[in-house]
């Protein structure tokens, strides 16, 4: 045979010969008084299937498709600290709305909601935390990437709610570039409705910061929804978060812009609360409709 078919037949013959040589008694030692030495050579017919590299920020790159599901875990953090670093260098998870958010924020949020009275704590996000406790918890987060069960070695007290809330604000305050600094200041000041504020964010914020803002606004809305207990309405929550969302360095304009950011955040919080009420109303109407249908079926 000639051509491609002949080459394949030759490869099969070579493979068959190698297979027989490996299985023959003389290949591994002596048989019937004869000794045969097996010579090991360089590998042949090597194929380059894939070129895989490891990126500290994104994990493995270039994996074949059949291995992708097994490598879907988050990339390890490329940062030695969780404060004051780019979110792209941190390990991420997803919130209930599908936002990709640094894992440290999700950890702080879960502990905040579960600790003590959680968001029902009066003055949450407004009352300052104990400085010593906040420093100890922060150091532990940097070293271990986790929240300690207690800030002291003797487990004398659990991590305080105000400490957890303060660390969330600190994370945004130290975020490089500021969360809202990509928004034109004059356009922020011109926003008068929640829909205008939402459109400005969608048009001006990069996807990563847009996801962070959505997560933060939902957190603020959760706090404002419990105003009857924590005395932190939407405007109060916006007021304590506003200074942490921008890094305006000019002291002459910083205070004025903080007020504009507060109004801007208040619009977004009110929008989130309104959307929740609309969803609840829609769910209630759907339940009523289902009950009416069941009654009609029973009557028939």
C-alpha atoms as a PDB file:
ATOM      1  CA  UNK A   1       0.000   0.000   0.000  1.00  0.00           C
ATOM      2  CA  UNK A   2       1.094   3.583  -0.513  1.00  0.00           C
ATOM      3  CA  UNK A   3       0.080   7.006   0.743  1.00  0.00           C
ATOM      4  CA  UNK A   4      -1.607   7.713   4.101  1.00  0.00           C
ATOM      5  CA  UNK A   5      -3.066   4.207   4.386  1.00  0.00           C
ATOM      6  CA  UNK A   6       0.369   2.642   4.111  1.00  0.00           C
ATOM      7  CA  UNK A   7       1.759   4.878   6.842  1.00  0.00           C
ATOM      8  CA  UNK A   8      -1.040   3.862   9.206  1.00  0.00           C
ATOM      9  CA  UNK A   9      -0.375   0.167   8.505  1.00  0.00           C
ATOM     10  CA  UNK A  10       3.319   0.689   9.268  1.00  0.00           C
ATOM     11  CA  UNK A  11       2.475   2.458  12.572  1.00  0.00           C
ATOM     12  CA  UNK A  12       0.198  -0.431  13.553  1.00  0.00           C
ATOM     13  CA  UNK A  13       2.891  -2.932  12.729  1.00  0.00           C
ATOM     14  CA  UNK A  14       5.468  -1.044  14.785  1.00  0.00           C
ATOM     15  CA  UNK A  15       3.061  -0.761  17.734  1.00  0.00           C
ATOM     16  CA  UNK A  16       2.264  -4.503  17.456  1.00  0.00           C
ATOM     17  CA  UNK A  17       5.956  -5.347  17.393  1.00  0.00           C
ATOM     18  CA  UNK A  18       6.640  -3.172  20.478  1.00  0.00           C
ATOM     19  CA  UNK A  19       3.687  -4.728  22.299  1.00  0.00           C
ATOM     20  CA  UNK A  20       4.942  -8.261  21.607  1.00  0.00           C
ATOM     21  CA  UNK A  21       8.481  -7.320  22.671  1.00  0.00           C
ATOM     22  CA  UNK A  22       7.246  -6.006  26.012  1.00  0.00           C
ATOM     23  CA  UNK A  23       5.151  -9.121  26.694  1.00  0.00           C
ATOM     24  CA  UNK A  24       7.720 -11.709  25.558  1.00  0.00           C
ATOM     25  CA  UNK A  25       9.567 -13.637  28.328  1.00  0.00           C
ATOM     26  CA  UNK A  26      12.926 -12.502  27.052  1.00  0.00           C
ATOM     27  CA  UNK A  27      12.047  -8.830  27.453  1.00  0.00           C
ATOM     28  CA  UNK A  28      12.315  -8.733  31.227  1.00  0.00           C
ATOM     29  CA  UNK A  29      15.082 -11.282  31.929  1.00  0.00           C
ATOM     30  CA  UNK A  30      16.300 -14.749  30.909  1.00  0.00           C
ATOM     31  CA  UNK A  31      14.146 -17.559  29.529  1.00  0.00           C
ATOM     32  CA  UNK A  32      15.368 -21.096  28.736  1.00  0.00           C
ATOM     33  CA  UNK A  33      18.954 -19.999  29.224  1.00  0.00           C
ATOM     34  CA  UNK A  34      18.777 -16.970  26.986  1.00  0.00           C
ATOM     35  CA  UNK A  35      19.017 -13.373  28.144  1.00  0.00           C
ATOM     36  CA  UNK A  36      17.493 -10.510  26.184  1.00  0.00           C
ATOM     37  CA  UNK A  37      18.051  -6.878  27.114  1.00  0.00           C
ATOM     38  CA  UNK A  38      15.254  -4.377  26.560  1.00  0.00           C
ATOM     39  CA  UNK A  39      16.488  -1.056  25.275  1.00  0.00           C
ATOM     40  CA  UNK A  40      14.478   1.983  26.317  1.00  0.00           C
ATOM     41  CA  UNK A  41      14.650   4.848  23.871  1.00  0.00           C
ATOM     42  CA  UNK A  42      13.170   8.321  23.564  1.00  0.00           C
ATOM     43  CA  UNK A  43       9.365   8.593  23.193  1.00  0.00           C
ATOM     44  CA  UNK A  44       8.066   8.794  19.642  1.00  0.00           C
ATOM     45  CA  UNK A  45       4.903  10.145  18.028  1.00  0.00           C
ATOM     46  CA  UNK A  46       4.385  12.703  20.836  1.00  0.00           C
ATOM     47  CA  UNK A  47       1.417  15.014  20.280  1.00  0.00           C
ATOM     48  CA  UNK A  48       1.003  18.485  21.807  1.00  0.00           C
ATOM     49  CA  UNK A  49      -2.608  18.268  22.990  1.00  0.00           C
ATOM     50  CA  UNK A  50      -2.860  21.533  24.924  1.00  0.00           C
ATOM     51  CA  UNK A  51      -0.742  24.324  26.346  1.00  0.00           C
ATOM     52  CA  UNK A  52      -1.877  24.947  29.930  1.00  0.00           C
ATOM     53  CA  UNK A  53      -0.621  27.818  32.039  1.00  0.00           C
ATOM     54  CA  UNK A  54      -1.439  28.957  35.558  1.00  0.00           C
ATOM     55  CA  UNK A  55      -2.438  32.539  36.246  1.00  0.00           C
ATOM     56  CA  UNK A  56      -2.550  33.705  39.877  1.00  0.00           C
ATOM     57  CA  UNK A  57      -5.505  35.904  39.075  1.00  0.00           C
ATOM     58  CA  UNK A  58      -7.640  33.458  37.064  1.00  0.00           C
ATOM     59  CA  UNK A  59      -6.258  29.972  37.813  1.00  0.00           C
ATOM     60  CA  UNK A  60      -5.586  27.524  34.969  1.00  0.00           C
ATOM     61  CA  UNK A  61      -5.801  28.772  31.386  1.00  0.00           C
ATOM     62  CA  UNK A  62      -5.934  26.672  28.231  1.00  0.00           C
ATOM     63  CA  UNK A  63      -7.480  23.553  29.737  1.00  0.00           C
ATOM     64  CA  UNK A  64      -9.222  21.218  27.274  1.00  0.00           C
ATOM     65  CA  UNK A  65     -13.012  21.493  27.332  1.00  0.00           C
ATOM     66  CA  UNK A  66     -13.492  18.079  28.946  1.00  0.00           C
ATOM     67  CA  UNK A  67     -11.438  19.204  31.963  1.00  0.00           C
ATOM     68  CA  UNK A  68     -13.087  22.602  32.411  1.00  0.00           C
ATOM     69  CA  UNK A  69     -15.857  21.477  34.843  1.00  0.00           C
ATOM     70  CA  UNK A  70     -13.286  19.993  37.184  1.00  0.00           C
ATOM     71  CA  UNK A  71     -11.323  23.237  37.223  1.00  0.00           C
ATOM     72  CA  UNK A  72     -14.259  25.568  37.808  1.00  0.00           C
ATOM     73  CA  UNK A  73     -13.181  26.363  41.358  1.00  0.00           C
ATOM     74  CA  UNK A  74     -12.198  29.917  42.196  1.00  0.00           C
ATOM     75  CA  UNK A  75      -8.660  30.974  41.501  1.00  0.00           C
ATOM     76  CA  UNK A  76      -6.577  31.488  44.617  1.00  0.00           C
ATOM     77  CA  UNK A  77      -6.126  35.033  45.776  1.00  0.00           C
ATOM     78  CA  UNK A  78      -3.063  36.792  44.427  1.00  0.00           C
ATOM     79  CA  UNK A  79      -3.050  39.238  47.317  1.00  0.00           C
ATOM     80  CA  UNK A  80      -1.499  38.923  50.738  1.00  0.00           C
ATOM     81  CA  UNK A  81      -4.131  41.266  52.148  1.00  0.00           C
ATOM     82  CA  UNK A  82      -7.858  41.673  51.616  1.00  0.00           C
ATOM     83  CA  UNK A  83      -7.967  45.438  52.131  1.00  0.00           C
ATOM     84  CA  UNK A  84      -6.732  48.129  49.780  1.00  0.00           C
ATOM     85  CA  UNK A  85      -6.141  45.817  46.809  1.00  0.00           C
ATOM     86  CA  UNK A  86      -7.739  45.431  43.409  1.00  0.00           C
ATOM     87  CA  UNK A  87     -10.804  43.125  43.450  1.00  0.00           C
ATOM     88  CA  UNK A  88      -9.402  41.379  40.359  1.00  0.00           C
ATOM     89  CA  UNK A  89      -6.570  39.988  42.477  1.00  0.00           C
ATOM     90  CA  UNK A  90      -8.943  38.454  45.032  1.00  0.00           C
ATOM     91  CA  UNK A  91     -10.869  35.215  45.253  1.00  0.00           C
ATOM     92  CA  UNK A  92     -14.492  35.680  44.196  1.00  0.00           C
ATOM     93  CA  UNK A  93     -17.862  34.097  44.860  1.00  0.00           C
ATOM     94  CA  UNK A  94     -21.414  34.861  43.738  1.00  0.00           C
ATOM     95  CA  UNK A  95     -24.257  36.404  45.670  1.00  0.00           C
ATOM     96  CA  UNK A  96     -27.936  35.484  45.337  1.00  0.00           C
ATOM     97  CA  UNK A  97     -28.299  37.868  42.367  1.00  0.00           C
ATOM     98  CA  UNK A  98     -25.360  36.342  40.481  1.00  0.00           C
ATOM     99  CA  UNK A  99     -22.920  39.180  41.155  1.00  0.00           C
ATOM    100  CA  UNK A 100     -19.253  38.198  41.260  1.00  0.00           C
ATOM    101  CA  UNK A 101     -18.037  39.601  44.563  1.00  0.00           C
ATOM    102  CA  UNK A 102     -14.815  39.142  46.559  1.00  0.00           C
ATOM    103  CA  UNK A 103     -15.266  36.242  48.959  1.00  0.00           C
ATOM    104  CA  UNK A 104     -14.242  38.366  51.928  1.00  0.00           C
ATOM    105  CA  UNK A 105     -17.356  40.541  51.484  1.00  0.00           C
ATOM    106  CA  UNK A 106     -19.610  37.497  51.337  1.00  0.00           C
ATOM    107  CA  UNK A 107     -18.003  36.137  54.501  1.00  0.00           C
ATOM    108  CA  UNK A 108     -18.469  39.423  56.343  1.00  0.00           C
ATOM    109  CA  UNK A 109     -22.060  39.686  55.135  1.00  0.00           C
ATOM    110  CA  UNK A 110     -23.024  36.176  56.246  1.00  0.00           C
ATOM    111  CA  UNK A 111     -21.488  36.666  59.694  1.00  0.00           C
ATOM    112  CA  UNK A 112     -23.077  40.100  60.036  1.00  0.00           C
ATOM    113  CA  UNK A 113     -26.559  38.735  59.311  1.00  0.00           C
ATOM    114  CA  UNK A 114     -26.120  35.818  61.725  1.00  0.00           C
ATOM    115  CA  UNK A 115     -24.266  37.519  64.583  1.00  0.00           C
ATOM    116  CA  UNK A 116     -26.415  38.544  67.545  1.00  0.00           C
ATOM    117  CA  UNK A 117     -29.350  40.643  66.360  1.00  0.00           C
ATOM    118  CA  UNK A 118     -27.683  41.106  62.990  1.00  0.00           C
ATOM    119  CA  UNK A 119     -29.155  43.897  60.893  1.00  0.00           C
ATOM    120  CA  UNK A 120     -31.745  44.548  63.595  1.00  0.00           C
ATOM    121  CA  UNK A 121     -28.988  45.946  65.821  1.00  0.00           C
ATOM    122  CA  UNK A 122     -29.669  49.595  66.533  1.00  0.00           C
ATOM    123  CA  UNK A 123     -27.290  51.884  64.687  1.00  0.00           C
ATOM    124  CA  UNK A 124     -25.734  49.130  62.575  1.00  0.00           C
ATOM    125  CA  UNK A 125     -23.190  50.693  60.158  1.00  0.00           C
ATOM    126  CA  UNK A 126     -23.464  53.965  62.106  1.00  0.00           C
ATOM    127  CA  UNK A 127     -22.069  53.007  65.516  1.00  0.00           C
ATOM    128  CA  UNK A 128     -18.276  52.832  65.528  1.00  0.00           C
ATOM    129  CA  UNK A 129     -16.661  49.507  66.380  1.00  0.00           C
ATOM    130  CA  UNK A 130     -14.127  48.903  69.108  1.00  0.00           C
ATOM    131  CA  UNK A 131     -10.818  49.840  67.497  1.00  0.00           C
ATOM    132  CA  UNK A 132      -8.789  47.063  69.138  1.00  0.00           C
ATOM    133  CA  UNK A 133     -11.278  44.389  68.128  1.00  0.00           C
ATOM    134  CA  UNK A 134     -11.540  45.673  64.568  1.00  0.00           C
ATOM    135  CA  UNK A 135      -7.738  45.684  64.234  1.00  0.00           C
ATOM    136  CA  UNK A 136      -7.457  42.097  65.512  1.00  0.00           C
ATOM    137  CA  UNK A 137     -10.191  40.798  63.212  1.00  0.00           C
ATOM    138  CA  UNK A 138      -8.702  42.668  60.277  1.00  0.00           C
ATOM    139  CA  UNK A 139      -5.270  41.151  60.903  1.00  0.00           C
ATOM    140  CA  UNK A 140      -6.812  37.686  61.090  1.00  0.00           C
ATOM    141  CA  UNK A 141      -8.592  38.259  57.776  1.00  0.00           C
ATOM    142  CA  UNK A 142      -5.304  39.228  56.153  1.00  0.00           C
ATOM    143  CA  UNK A 143      -3.467  36.204  57.551  1.00  0.00           C
ATOM    144  CA  UNK A 144      -6.086  33.474  57.267  1.00  0.00           C
ATOM    145  CA  UNK A 145      -8.747  34.864  54.925  1.00  0.00           C
ATOM    146  CA  UNK A 146     -11.408  34.015  57.509  1.00  0.00           C
ATOM    147  CA  UNK A 147     -13.287  35.657  60.340  1.00  0.00           C
ATOM    148  CA  UNK A 148     -12.289  34.386  63.804  1.00  0.00           C
ATOM    149  CA  UNK A 149     -15.019  33.070  66.080  1.00  0.00           C
ATOM    150  CA  UNK A 150     -13.647  35.404  68.737  1.00  0.00           C
ATOM    151  CA  UNK A 151     -11.205  38.317  68.530  1.00  0.00           C
ATOM    152  CA  UNK A 152      -9.457  37.173  71.714  1.00  0.00           C
ATOM    153  CA  UNK A 153      -7.526  33.999  72.408  1.00  0.00           C
ATOM    154  CA  UNK A 154      -9.662  33.114  75.427  1.00  0.00           C
ATOM    155  CA  UNK A 155     -12.897  33.328  73.397  1.00  0.00           C
ATOM    156  CA  UNK A 156     -14.187  35.860  75.900  1.00  0.00           C
ATOM    157  CA  UNK A 157     -16.506  37.519  73.376  1.00  0.00           C
ATOM    158  CA  UNK A 158     -17.767  36.989  69.858  1.00  0.00           C
ATOM    159  CA  UNK A 159     -16.940  39.382  67.050  1.00  0.00           C
ATOM    160  CA  UNK A 160     -19.203  42.397  67.435  1.00  0.00           C
ATOM    161  CA  UNK A 161     -21.829  43.333  64.825  1.00  0.00           C
ATOM    162  CA  UNK A 162     -20.431  46.862  64.605  1.00  0.00           C
ATOM    163  CA  UNK A 163     -16.962  45.432  63.973  1.00  0.00           C
ATOM    164  CA  UNK A 164     -18.239  43.420  61.005  1.00  0.00           C
ATOM    165  CA  UNK A 165     -20.143  46.409  59.627  1.00  0.00           C
ATOM    166  CA  UNK A 166     -17.101  48.640  60.077  1.00  0.00           C
ATOM    167  CA  UNK A 167     -14.880  46.231  58.164  1.00  0.00           C
ATOM    168  CA  UNK A 168     -17.292  46.209  55.220  1.00  0.00           C
ATOM    169  CA  UNK A 169     -17.162  50.012  55.096  1.00  0.00           C
ATOM    170  CA  UNK A 170     -13.368  49.913  55.453  1.00  0.00           C
ATOM    171  CA  UNK A 171     -13.088  47.529  52.498  1.00  0.00           C
ATOM    172  CA  UNK A 172     -14.942  49.960  50.237  1.00  0.00           C
ATOM    173  CA  UNK A 173     -13.132  52.984  51.674  1.00  0.00           C
ATOM    174  CA  UNK A 174      -9.752  51.471  50.787  1.00  0.00           C
ATOM    175  CA  UNK A 175     -10.808  50.113  47.384  1.00  0.00           C
ATOM    176  CA  UNK A 176      -8.277  51.408  44.804  1.00  0.00           C
ATOM    177  CA  UNK A 177      -9.911  53.975  42.551  1.00  0.00           C
ATOM    178  CA  UNK A 178     -13.047  54.206  44.677  1.00  0.00           C
ATOM    179  CA  UNK A 179     -16.247  52.399  43.793  1.00  0.00           C
ATOM    180  CA  UNK A 180     -18.055  55.402  42.290  1.00  0.00           C
ATOM    181  CA  UNK A 181     -15.118  57.464  41.037  1.00  0.00           C
ATOM    182  CA  UNK A 182     -15.726  56.247  37.483  1.00  0.00           C
ATOM    183  CA  UNK A 183     -19.011  58.187  37.481  1.00  0.00           C
ATOM    184  CA  UNK A 184     -18.808  61.800  36.224  1.00  0.00           C
ATOM    185  CA  UNK A 185     -19.362  64.015  39.260  1.00  0.00           C
ATOM    186  CA  UNK A 186     -21.572  66.499  37.407  1.00  0.00           C
ATOM    187  CA  UNK A 187     -23.867  63.698  36.200  1.00  0.00           C
ATOM    188  CA  UNK A 188     -24.107  62.247  39.711  1.00  0.00           C
ATOM    189  CA  UNK A 189     -25.198  65.683  40.940  1.00  0.00           C
ATOM    190  CA  UNK A 190     -27.825  65.959  38.168  1.00  0.00           C
ATOM    191  CA  UNK A 191     -29.562  62.667  38.985  1.00  0.00           C
ATOM    192  CA  UNK A 192     -33.035  63.341  40.342  1.00  0.00           C
ATOM    193  CA  UNK A 193     -34.722  59.969  40.003  1.00  0.00           C
ATOM    194  CA  UNK A 194     -33.757  56.407  40.828  1.00  0.00           C
ATOM    195  CA  UNK A 195     -34.021  55.375  37.189  1.00  0.00           C
ATOM    196  CA  UNK A 196     -31.602  58.135  36.153  1.00  0.00           C
ATOM    197  CA  UNK A 197     -29.128  56.939  38.776  1.00  0.00           C
ATOM    198  CA  UNK A 198     -29.452  53.327  37.617  1.00  0.00           C
ATOM    199  CA  UNK A 199     -28.927  54.285  33.959  1.00  0.00           C
ATOM    200  CA  UNK A 200     -25.825  56.293  34.832  1.00  0.00           C
ATOM    201  CA  UNK A 201     -24.322  53.319  36.677  1.00  0.00           C
ATOM    202  CA  UNK A 202     -25.090  50.974  33.788  1.00  0.00           C
ATOM    203  CA  UNK A 203     -23.478  53.343  31.288  1.00  0.00           C
ATOM    204  CA  UNK A 204     -20.392  54.406  33.227  1.00  0.00           C
ATOM    205  CA  UNK A 205     -19.293  51.679  35.634  1.00  0.00           C
ATOM    206  CA  UNK A 206     -17.116  48.760  34.483  1.00  0.00           C
ATOM    207  CA  UNK A 207     -18.746  45.345  35.033  1.00  0.00           C
ATOM    208  CA  UNK A 208     -16.702  44.500  38.135  1.00  0.00           C
ATOM    209  CA  UNK A 209     -17.590  47.706  39.952  1.00  0.00           C
ATOM    210  CA  UNK A 210     -21.189  47.531  38.756  1.00  0.00           C
ATOM    211  CA  UNK A 211     -21.487  44.113  40.416  1.00  0.00           C
ATOM    212  CA  UNK A 212     -19.917  45.467  43.610  1.00  0.00           C
ATOM    213  CA  UNK A 213     -22.321  48.414  43.661  1.00  0.00           C
ATOM    214  CA  UNK A 214     -25.328  46.157  43.133  1.00  0.00           C
ATOM    215  CA  UNK A 215     -24.187  43.963  46.031  1.00  0.00           C
ATOM    216  CA  UNK A 216     -23.633  47.015  48.244  1.00  0.00           C
ATOM    217  CA  UNK A 217     -27.004  48.570  47.397  1.00  0.00           C
ATOM    218  CA  UNK A 218     -28.806  45.303  48.185  1.00  0.00           C
ATOM    219  CA  UNK A 219     -26.971  45.201  51.521  1.00  0.00           C
ATOM    220  CA  UNK A 220     -28.015  48.784  52.266  1.00  0.00           C
ATOM    221  CA  UNK A 221     -31.598  47.941  51.296  1.00  0.00           C
ATOM    222  CA  UNK A 222     -31.535  44.985  53.703  1.00  0.00           C
ATOM    223  CA  UNK A 223     -30.510  47.385  56.470  1.00  0.00           C
ATOM    224  CA  UNK A 224     -33.111  50.008  55.535  1.00  0.00           C
ATOM    225  CA  UNK A 225     -35.833  47.359  55.399  1.00  0.00           C
ATOM    226  CA  UNK A 226     -35.358  46.866  59.161  1.00  0.00           C
ATOM    227  CA  UNK A 227     -35.568  50.559  60.017  1.00  0.00           C
ATOM    228  CA  UNK A 228     -38.251  49.925  62.647  1.00  0.00           C
ATOM    229  CA  UNK A 229     -35.668  48.026  64.720  1.00  0.00           C
ATOM    230  CA  UNK A 230     -32.281  49.449  63.774  1.00  0.00           C
ATOM    231  CA  UNK A 231     -33.383  53.078  63.187  1.00  0.00           C
ATOM    232  CA  UNK A 232     -31.396  53.135  59.966  1.00  0.00           C
ATOM    233  CA  UNK A 233     -33.620  54.269  57.116  1.00  0.00           C
ATOM    234  CA  UNK A 234     -32.427  54.496  53.528  1.00  0.00           C
ATOM    235  CA  UNK A 235     -31.127  58.050  53.938  1.00  0.00           C
ATOM    236  CA  UNK A 236     -29.239  57.198  57.120  1.00  0.00           C
ATOM    237  CA  UNK A 237     -27.646  54.156  55.468  1.00  0.00           C
ATOM    238  CA  UNK A 238     -26.699  56.221  52.411  1.00  0.00           C
ATOM    239  CA  UNK A 239     -25.175  58.847  54.688  1.00  0.00           C
ATOM    240  CA  UNK A 240     -22.802  56.433  56.442  1.00  0.00           C
ATOM    241  CA  UNK A 241     -21.800  54.638  53.223  1.00  0.00           C
ATOM    242  CA  UNK A 242     -21.291  57.701  50.998  1.00  0.00           C
ATOM    243  CA  UNK A 243     -17.851  58.765  52.322  1.00  0.00           C
ATOM    244  CA  UNK A 244     -16.560  55.229  51.707  1.00  0.00           C
ATOM    245  CA  UNK A 245     -17.628  55.037  48.061  1.00  0.00           C
ATOM    246  CA  UNK A 246     -15.360  57.691  46.621  1.00  0.00           C
ATOM    247  CA  UNK A 247     -11.771  58.830  47.037  1.00  0.00           C
ATOM    248  CA  UNK A 248     -12.032  62.495  46.175  1.00  0.00           C
ATOM    249  CA  UNK A 249      -8.790  64.029  47.401  1.00  0.00           C
ATOM    250  CA  UNK A 250      -9.679  67.709  47.163  1.00  0.00           C
ATOM    251  CA  UNK A 251     -10.818  68.654  50.685  1.00  0.00           C
ATOM    252  CA  UNK A 252     -12.700  71.679  49.311  1.00  0.00           C
ATOM    253  CA  UNK A 253     -15.005  69.509  47.206  1.00  0.00           C
ATOM    254  CA  UNK A 254     -14.945  66.244  49.186  1.00  0.00           C
ATOM    255  CA  UNK A 255     -17.724  67.214  51.593  1.00  0.00           C
ATOM    256  CA  UNK A 256     -19.949  68.624  48.857  1.00  0.00           C
ATOM    257  CA  UNK A 257     -19.476  65.545  46.689  1.00  0.00           C
ATOM    258  CA  UNK A 258     -20.121  63.238  49.664  1.00  0.00           C
ATOM    259  CA  UNK A 259     -23.550  64.850  50.013  1.00  0.00           C
ATOM    260  CA  UNK A 260     -24.206  64.284  46.310  1.00  0.00           C
ATOM    261  CA  UNK A 261     -23.107  60.647  46.608  1.00  0.00           C
ATOM    262  CA  UNK A 262     -25.378  60.247  49.623  1.00  0.00           C
ATOM    263  CA  UNK A 263     -28.374  61.467  47.592  1.00  0.00           C
ATOM    264  CA  UNK A 264     -27.307  59.239  44.712  1.00  0.00           C
ATOM    265  CA  UNK A 265     -27.093  56.144  46.939  1.00  0.00           C
ATOM    266  CA  UNK A 266     -30.395  57.009  48.575  1.00  0.00           C
ATOM    267  CA  UNK A 267     -32.050  56.927  45.146  1.00  0.00           C
ATOM    268  CA  UNK A 268     -30.583  53.487  44.436  1.00  0.00           C
ATOM    269  CA  UNK A 269     -31.619  52.125  47.854  1.00  0.00           C
ATOM    270  CA  UNK A 270     -35.179  53.412  47.422  1.00  0.00           C
ATOM    271  CA  UNK A 271     -35.253  51.822  43.975  1.00  0.00           C
ATOM    272  CA  UNK A 272     -34.161  48.443  45.394  1.00  0.00           C
ATOM    273  CA  UNK A 273     -36.814  48.645  48.126  1.00  0.00           C
ATOM    274  CA  UNK A 274     -39.495  49.589  45.580  1.00  0.00           C
ATOM    275  CA  UNK A 275     -38.548  46.656  43.357  1.00  0.00           C
ATOM    276  CA  UNK A 276     -38.842  44.323  46.358  1.00  0.00           C
ATOM    277  CA  UNK A 277     -42.314  45.632  47.175  1.00  0.00           C
ATOM    278  CA  UNK A 278     -43.371  45.188  43.557  1.00  0.00           C
ATOM    279  CA  UNK A 279     -42.078  41.611  43.519  1.00  0.00           C
ATOM    280  CA  UNK A 280     -43.870  40.838  46.781  1.00  0.00           C
ATOM    281  CA  UNK A 281     -47.073  42.348  45.443  1.00  0.00           C
ATOM    282  CA  UNK A 282     -46.743  40.348  42.250  1.00  0.00           C
ATOM    283  CA  UNK A 283     -46.169  37.141  44.207  1.00  0.00           C
ATOM    284  CA  UNK A 284     -49.200  37.865  46.399  1.00  0.00           C
ATOM    285  CA  UNK A 285     -51.394  38.501  43.362  1.00  0.00           C
ATOM    286  CA  UNK A 286     -50.178  35.282  41.770  1.00  0.00           C
ATOM    287  CA  UNK A 287     -50.988  33.354  44.962  1.00  0.00           C
ATOM    288  CA  UNK A 288     -54.502  34.884  45.045  1.00  0.00           C
ATOM    289  CA  UNK A 289     -55.011  33.927  41.424  1.00  0.00           C
ATOM    290  CA  UNK A 290     -53.971  30.343  42.114  1.00  0.00           C
ATOM    291  CA  UNK A 291     -56.335  30.150  45.085  1.00  0.00           C
ATOM    292  CA  UNK A 292     -59.215  31.457  42.975  1.00  0.00           C
ATOM    293  CA  UNK A 293     -58.525  28.823  40.322  1.00  0.00           C
ATOM    294  CA  UNK A 294     -58.499  26.069  42.945  1.00  0.00           C
ATOM    295  CA  UNK A 295     -61.850  27.280  44.326  1.00  0.00           C
ATOM    296  CA  UNK A 296     -63.350  27.268  40.831  1.00  0.00           C
ATOM    297  CA  UNK A 297     -62.145  23.728  40.262  1.00  0.00           C
ATOM    298  CA  UNK A 298     -63.664  22.592  43.545  1.00  0.00           C
ATOM    299  CA  UNK A 299     -67.015  24.209  42.668  1.00  0.00           C
ATOM    300  CA  UNK A 300     -67.054  22.561  39.275  1.00  0.00           C
END
